[in-house]
Amino acid sequence: MADQLATEIIERIKSHAEPGKDEITLDTELTSLGIHSLELTEIIFDLEEDYGIEIEMNTVDAWSSLKNIGDIVEAVRGLIAQKA
């Protein structure tokens, strides 16, 4: 079950996913959404702006460590907690 943060992040990612990918869960793989490195970079910038955090990883590191929506949610959650 997605909490508020996860729901917000899923909605943000939906705007970058290929059309017709309505059912996105924490287990959804980024590659199954048609998200490539440029879109992942845009998503990271959006999340940084939305939550006032800084995600310090280049796109290659991001792509290799963030496999699904849950990975992104947990990364953002951790950075928000560090900031608090």
N, C-alpha and C. Protein backbone atom coordinates (compact mmCIF):
# COMPACT_ATOMS: atom_id res chain seq x y z
N MET A 1 0.85 -1.19 0.00
CA MET A 1 0.00 0.00 0.00
C MET A 1 0.89 1.25 0.00
N ALA A 2 0.65 2.13 -0.91
CA ALA A 2 1.48 3.33 -1.04
C ALA A 2 1.02 4.40 -0.05
N ASP A 3 1.97 5.03 0.61
CA ASP A 3 1.64 6.14 1.50
C ASP A 3 1.61 7.45 0.69
N GLN A 4 1.45 8.57 1.36
CA GLN A 4 1.31 9.85 0.67
C GLN A 4 2.54 10.16 -0.20
N LEU A 5 3.73 9.98 0.35
CA LEU A 5 4.95 10.27 -0.41
C LEU A 5 5.02 9.37 -1.65
N ALA A 6 4.77 8.09 -1.46
CA ALA A 6 4.82 7.16 -2.59
C ALA A 6 3.79 7.54 -3.66
N THR A 7 2.59 7.91 -3.23
CA THR A 7 1.54 8.30 -4.17
C THR A 7 1.96 9.52 -4.97
N GLU A 8 2.56 10.51 -4.30
CA GLU A 8 3.01 11.73 -4.99
C GLU A 8 4.10 11.39 -6.01
N ILE A 9 5.04 10.55 -5.62
CA ILE A 9 6.14 10.19 -6.52
C ILE A 9 5.62 9.39 -7.71
N ILE A 10 4.68 8.48 -7.46
CA ILE A 10 4.08 7.70 -8.56
C ILE A 10 3.40 8.64 -9.54
N GLU A 11 2.68 9.63 -9.05
CA GLU A 11 2.02 10.59 -9.94
C GLU A 11 3.05 11.37 -10.76
N ARG A 12 4.14 11.75 -10.14
CA ARG A 12 5.21 12.48 -10.84
C ARG A 12 5.80 11.59 -11.94
N ILE A 13 6.04 10.34 -11.63
CA ILE A 13 6.64 9.43 -12.60
C ILE A 13 5.67 9.13 -13.74
N LYS A 14 4.37 9.05 -13.44
CA LYS A 14 3.37 8.80 -14.49
C LYS A 14 3.47 9.82 -15.62
N SER A 15 3.81 11.06 -15.28
CA SER A 15 3.89 12.10 -16.31
C SER A 15 5.06 11.87 -17.26
N HIS A 16 6.01 11.02 -16.85
CA HIS A 16 7.16 10.70 -17.71
C HIS A 16 7.05 9.33 -18.37
N ALA A 17 6.10 8.52 -17.92
CA ALA A 17 5.97 7.16 -18.44
C ALA A 17 5.30 7.17 -19.81
N GLU A 18 5.47 6.06 -20.53
CA GLU A 18 4.81 5.92 -21.82
C GLU A 18 3.30 5.94 -21.60
N PRO A 19 2.55 6.50 -22.53
CA PRO A 19 1.09 6.52 -22.41
C PRO A 19 0.54 5.10 -22.26
N GLY A 20 -0.53 4.98 -21.48
CA GLY A 20 -1.18 3.70 -21.31
C GLY A 20 -0.66 2.89 -20.14
N LYS A 21 0.31 3.44 -19.41
CA LYS A 21 0.87 2.73 -18.25
C LYS A 21 0.16 3.24 -16.99
N ASP A 22 -1.10 2.84 -16.83
CA ASP A 22 -1.90 3.39 -15.74
C ASP A 22 -1.59 2.76 -14.39
N GLU A 23 -1.39 1.46 -14.35
CA GLU A 23 -1.19 0.78 -13.08
C GLU A 23 0.29 0.79 -12.72
N ILE A 24 0.68 1.72 -11.85
CA ILE A 24 2.06 1.83 -11.41
C ILE A 24 2.06 1.60 -9.91
N THR A 25 2.86 0.62 -9.47
CA THR A 25 2.98 0.30 -8.05
C THR A 25 4.43 0.47 -7.63
N LEU A 26 4.70 0.24 -6.35
CA LEU A 26 6.06 0.33 -5.85
C LEU A 26 6.97 -0.72 -6.49
N ASP A 27 6.39 -1.80 -6.97
CA ASP A 27 7.18 -2.87 -7.60
C ASP A 27 7.39 -2.68 -9.09
N THR A 28 6.76 -1.66 -9.68
CA THR A 28 6.87 -1.44 -11.11
C THR A 28 8.31 -1.08 -11.48
N GLU A 29 8.85 -1.81 -12.44
CA GLU A 29 10.21 -1.55 -12.94
C GLU A 29 10.21 -0.30 -13.81
N LEU A 30 11.22 0.54 -13.65
CA LEU A 30 11.32 1.76 -14.45
C LEU A 30 11.38 1.44 -15.95
N THR A 31 12.10 0.40 -16.30
CA THR A 31 12.24 0.06 -17.72
C THR A 31 10.90 -0.33 -18.34
N SER A 32 9.99 -0.90 -17.54
CA SER A 32 8.69 -1.30 -18.09
C SER A 32 7.82 -0.09 -18.39
N LEU A 33 8.19 1.08 -17.86
CA LEU A 33 7.44 2.31 -18.11
C LEU A 33 7.98 3.08 -19.30
N GLY A 34 9.05 2.56 -19.91
CA GLY A 34 9.66 3.25 -21.04
C GLY A 34 10.47 4.46 -20.60
N ILE A 35 10.89 4.47 -19.35
CA ILE A 35 11.68 5.60 -18.83
C ILE A 35 13.15 5.32 -19.12
N HIS A 36 13.77 6.23 -19.86
CA HIS A 36 15.19 6.09 -20.16
C HIS A 36 15.97 7.11 -19.35
N SER A 37 17.26 7.18 -19.55
CA SER A 37 18.12 7.97 -18.68
C SER A 37 17.77 9.46 -18.66
N LEU A 38 17.38 10.03 -19.79
CA LEU A 38 17.03 11.45 -19.81
C LEU A 38 15.79 11.69 -18.95
N GLU A 39 14.79 10.84 -19.08
CA GLU A 39 13.59 11.01 -18.27
C GLU A 39 13.87 10.77 -16.80
N LEU A 40 14.75 9.80 -16.49
CA LEU A 40 15.11 9.57 -15.09
C LEU A 40 15.77 10.82 -14.51
N THR A 41 16.63 11.46 -15.29
CA THR A 41 17.26 12.70 -14.85
C THR A 41 16.22 13.78 -14.59
N GLU A 42 15.25 13.90 -15.47
CA GLU A 42 14.17 14.89 -15.28
C GLU A 42 13.36 14.58 -14.03
N ILE A 43 13.07 13.30 -13.81
CA ILE A 43 12.33 12.90 -12.61
C ILE A 43 13.12 13.27 -11.36
N ILE A 44 14.42 13.00 -11.37
CA ILE A 44 15.27 13.33 -10.22
C ILE A 44 15.26 14.83 -9.96
N PHE A 45 15.39 15.63 -11.01
CA PHE A 45 15.32 17.09 -10.84
C PHE A 45 13.97 17.52 -10.25
N ASP A 46 12.89 16.93 -10.76
CA ASP A 46 11.55 17.26 -10.26
C ASP A 46 11.44 16.92 -8.78
N LEU A 47 11.92 15.75 -8.38
CA LEU A 47 11.82 15.33 -6.98
C LEU A 47 12.67 16.21 -6.08
N GLU A 48 13.84 16.60 -6.57
CA GLU A 48 14.68 17.52 -5.78
C GLU A 48 13.94 18.82 -5.53
N GLU A 49 13.31 19.35 -6.56
CA GLU A 49 12.57 20.60 -6.44
C GLU A 49 11.34 20.44 -5.55
N ASP A 50 10.59 19.36 -5.75
CA ASP A 50 9.37 19.12 -4.97
C ASP A 50 9.63 19.01 -3.48
N TYR A 51 10.73 18.34 -3.12
CA TYR A 51 10.97 18.02 -1.71
C TYR A 51 12.15 18.76 -1.09
N GLY A 52 12.77 19.66 -1.83
CA GLY A 52 13.88 20.44 -1.29
C GLY A 52 15.06 19.58 -0.88
N ILE A 53 15.34 18.56 -1.68
CA ILE A 53 16.45 17.65 -1.38
C ILE A 53 17.45 17.70 -2.52
N GLU A 54 18.62 17.10 -2.28
CA GLU A 54 19.62 17.00 -3.33
C GLU A 54 20.00 15.54 -3.50
N ILE A 55 19.77 15.02 -4.68
CA ILE A 55 20.09 13.64 -4.97
C ILE A 55 21.44 13.64 -5.68
N GLU A 56 22.46 13.21 -4.94
CA GLU A 56 23.83 13.29 -5.46
C GLU A 56 24.23 11.98 -6.11
N MET A 57 23.84 11.83 -7.36
CA MET A 57 24.28 10.68 -8.13
C MET A 57 24.17 11.04 -9.60
N ASN A 58 25.14 10.57 -10.36
CA ASN A 58 25.02 10.83 -11.79
C ASN A 58 24.04 9.83 -12.39
N THR A 59 23.66 10.02 -13.60
CA THR A 59 22.62 9.21 -14.22
C THR A 59 22.98 7.73 -14.26
N VAL A 60 24.24 7.41 -14.51
CA VAL A 60 24.65 6.01 -14.56
C VAL A 60 24.44 5.36 -13.20
N ASP A 61 24.87 6.03 -12.13
CA ASP A 61 24.67 5.49 -10.78
C ASP A 61 23.18 5.37 -10.48
N ALA A 62 22.43 6.39 -10.86
CA ALA A 62 20.99 6.38 -10.60
C ALA A 62 20.34 5.20 -11.30
N TRP A 63 20.67 5.01 -12.56
CA TRP A 63 20.04 3.96 -13.34
C TRP A 63 20.37 2.59 -12.77
N SER A 64 21.60 2.40 -12.28
CA SER A 64 21.99 1.08 -11.78
C SER A 64 21.44 0.80 -10.39
N SER A 65 21.17 1.84 -9.59
CA SER A 65 20.70 1.59 -8.23
C SER A 65 19.19 1.76 -8.07
N LEU A 66 18.54 2.42 -9.00
CA LEU A 66 17.09 2.62 -8.92
C LEU A 66 16.41 1.76 -9.97
N LYS A 67 15.93 0.61 -9.55
CA LYS A 67 15.34 -0.34 -10.49
C LYS A 67 13.82 -0.19 -10.59
N ASN A 68 13.17 0.14 -9.46
CA ASN A 68 11.72 0.22 -9.48
C ASN A 68 11.24 1.46 -8.71
N ILE A 69 9.95 1.66 -8.71
CA ILE A 69 9.38 2.84 -8.07
C ILE A 69 9.69 2.85 -6.57
N GLY A 70 9.63 1.69 -5.95
CA GLY A 70 9.93 1.59 -4.51
C GLY A 70 11.34 2.08 -4.19
N ASP A 71 12.32 1.80 -5.07
CA ASP A 71 13.69 2.27 -4.85
C ASP A 71 13.75 3.79 -4.83
N ILE A 72 13.02 4.42 -5.74
CA ILE A 72 12.99 5.88 -5.80
C ILE A 72 12.34 6.44 -4.55
N VAL A 73 11.21 5.86 -4.15
CA VAL A 73 10.49 6.33 -2.97
C VAL A 73 11.39 6.23 -1.73
N GLU A 74 12.07 5.12 -1.56
CA GLU A 74 12.91 4.95 -0.38
C GLU A 74 14.12 5.89 -0.41
N ALA A 75 14.68 6.13 -1.58
CA ALA A 75 15.80 7.06 -1.69
C ALA A 75 15.36 8.48 -1.29
N VAL A 76 14.20 8.90 -1.80
CA VAL A 76 13.67 10.23 -1.47
C VAL A 76 13.33 10.30 0.01
N ARG A 77 12.71 9.26 0.54
CA ARG A 77 12.34 9.23 1.96
C ARG A 77 13.58 9.39 2.85
N GLY A 78 14.64 8.69 2.48
CA GLY A 78 15.89 8.77 3.25
C GLY A 78 16.48 10.18 3.23
N LEU A 79 16.45 10.82 2.06
CA LEU A 79 16.99 12.17 1.94
C LEU A 79 16.14 13.19 2.71
N ILE A 80 14.84 13.00 2.70
CA ILE A 80 13.95 13.90 3.47
C ILE A 80 14.24 13.74 4.96
N ALA A 81 14.44 12.50 5.40
CA ALA A 81 14.73 12.24 6.81
C ALA A 81 16.06 12.86 7.23
N GLN A 82 17.06 12.79 6.36
CA GLN A 82 18.37 13.40 6.65
C GLN A 82 18.25 14.90 6.79
N LYS A 83 17.39 15.50 5.99
CA LYS A 83 17.22 16.95 5.99
C LYS A 83 16.50 17.44 7.24
N ALA A 84 15.64 16.60 7.79
CA ALA A 84 14.79 16.99 8.94
C ALA A 84 15.59 17.18 10.21
